[in-house]
Amino acid sequence: MRVIAGEFRSRVLKTLPGLDVRPTPDRMRETLFNILAPRIEGAIFADIYAGSGSVGIEALSRGASHAIFVEQNRAAANVIRENLRTLRIDPRAELLQSRASIALPNVRADIVFLDPPYEAEQEYQKSLATLGENPAALIPSLIIVQHFAKLALQDRYGAIHRTRVVKQGQNQLTFYAESAG
């Protein structure tokens, strides 16, 4: 797996072998960051269920000021640490080896990217509900969920609502933002 664009373009990232981690496909990452281009510069980006950290590292490569990685799996967290160290961007990153449900209420980021394992459907609902029920001061300005296209997410979770959907094959990105008023 490689970083697609930006400061670390074409740099190879280590990944966890096997099926424990499902990396975001290059085409989906490209689409995501084309959409985020006007918002990523200087942003604090949170990569929840980070796996190899490829999405958060891509955010840093494209100008995010800081990235927060949340990953429960010890081996995957070690891969993220190694990728950050190899690229010498560990000072711009924070790695929380924790369950997402424990870390999410305290994550302070402008943009949150959620990519739980596809088979863990309850994690999608739980994570979005947690973010939507946070005090208004802690709700990120943008929440993006990558999921299996057949998984139907709600239009609204507490104070956040769906603003956009982008489908690519069997993958989908669903965007949420805080509701006005």
Foldseek 3Di string as FASTA:
>chain_A
DAQPDAQRHRPDADADPDDPDDDDDPVRLVVVCVVCLVPLAQWEEEEECCGLVNSVVSSVRSHHQAYEYEHQDPVSLVSNVVRCVVVVNVVRYHYHNDHCLVCLLPDATQEYEAEDPQVPLVCVVSNQLSLQPHPPNRRHQKYKYKYFPVRDDDQDRHQKGWDDWDDDVRIIITMIGGDDD
